[in-house]
Amino acid sequence: MAGQTYDVPEVYAMIVVLAVVGIALAQCVALLERRIRRWHGPTEL
């Protein structure tokens, strides 16, 4: 809706919020993966 009404600050705020949520989700998945794969030992990429 903000993009259609040219509410630039709201659009940028939503982009920042989505970026923060994406980074947080990626960190949660990485933490969960480390906990689940704890018994496998270190792996090389």
Protein backbone atom coordinates (compact mmCIF):
# COMPACT_ATOMS: atom_id res chain seq x y z
CA MET A 1 0.00 0.00 0.00
CA ALA A 2 2.83 2.43 0.83
CA GLY A 3 4.37 2.00 -2.61
CA GLN A 4 1.16 2.96 -4.33
CA THR A 5 0.78 6.17 -2.30
CA TYR A 6 4.48 7.16 -2.61
CA ASP A 7 5.03 7.07 1.14
CA VAL A 8 8.80 6.79 0.79
CA PRO A 9 9.73 6.67 4.50
CA GLU A 10 7.26 3.85 5.09
CA VAL A 11 8.61 1.89 2.11
CA TYR A 12 12.20 2.24 3.35
CA ALA A 13 11.13 1.30 6.88
CA MET A 14 9.49 -1.87 5.58
CA ILE A 15 12.63 -2.76 3.60
CA VAL A 16 14.74 -2.37 6.75
CA VAL A 17 12.30 -4.43 8.82
CA LEU A 18 12.26 -7.21 6.23
CA ALA A 19 16.06 -7.21 6.06
CA VAL A 20 16.35 -7.48 9.85
CA VAL A 21 13.80 -10.29 9.97
CA GLY A 22 15.63 -12.12 7.18
CA ILE A 23 18.98 -11.83 8.96
CA ALA A 24 17.43 -12.99 12.23
CA LEU A 25 15.83 -16.00 10.56
CA ALA A 26 19.11 -16.93 8.89
CA GLN A 27 20.91 -16.75 12.24
CA CYS A 28 18.23 -18.91 13.89
CA VAL A 29 18.50 -21.52 11.18
CA ALA A 30 22.31 -21.54 11.50
CA LEU A 31 22.05 -21.97 15.28
CA LEU A 32 19.51 -24.75 14.93
CA GLU A 33 21.68 -26.47 12.34
CA ARG A 34 24.71 -26.34 14.66
CA ARG A 35 22.67 -27.81 17.51
CA ILE A 36 21.21 -30.60 15.40
CA ARG A 37 24.51 -31.49 13.72
CA ARG A 38 26.56 -31.29 16.92
CA TRP A 39 27.43 -35.00 16.83
CA HIS A 40 28.89 -34.84 13.31
CA GLY A 41 31.93 -32.78 14.19
CA PRO A 42 33.38 -30.00 12.05
CA THR A 43 32.67 -30.02 8.35
CA GLU A 44 34.53 -28.33 5.54
CA LEU A 45 32.69 -26.29 2.95
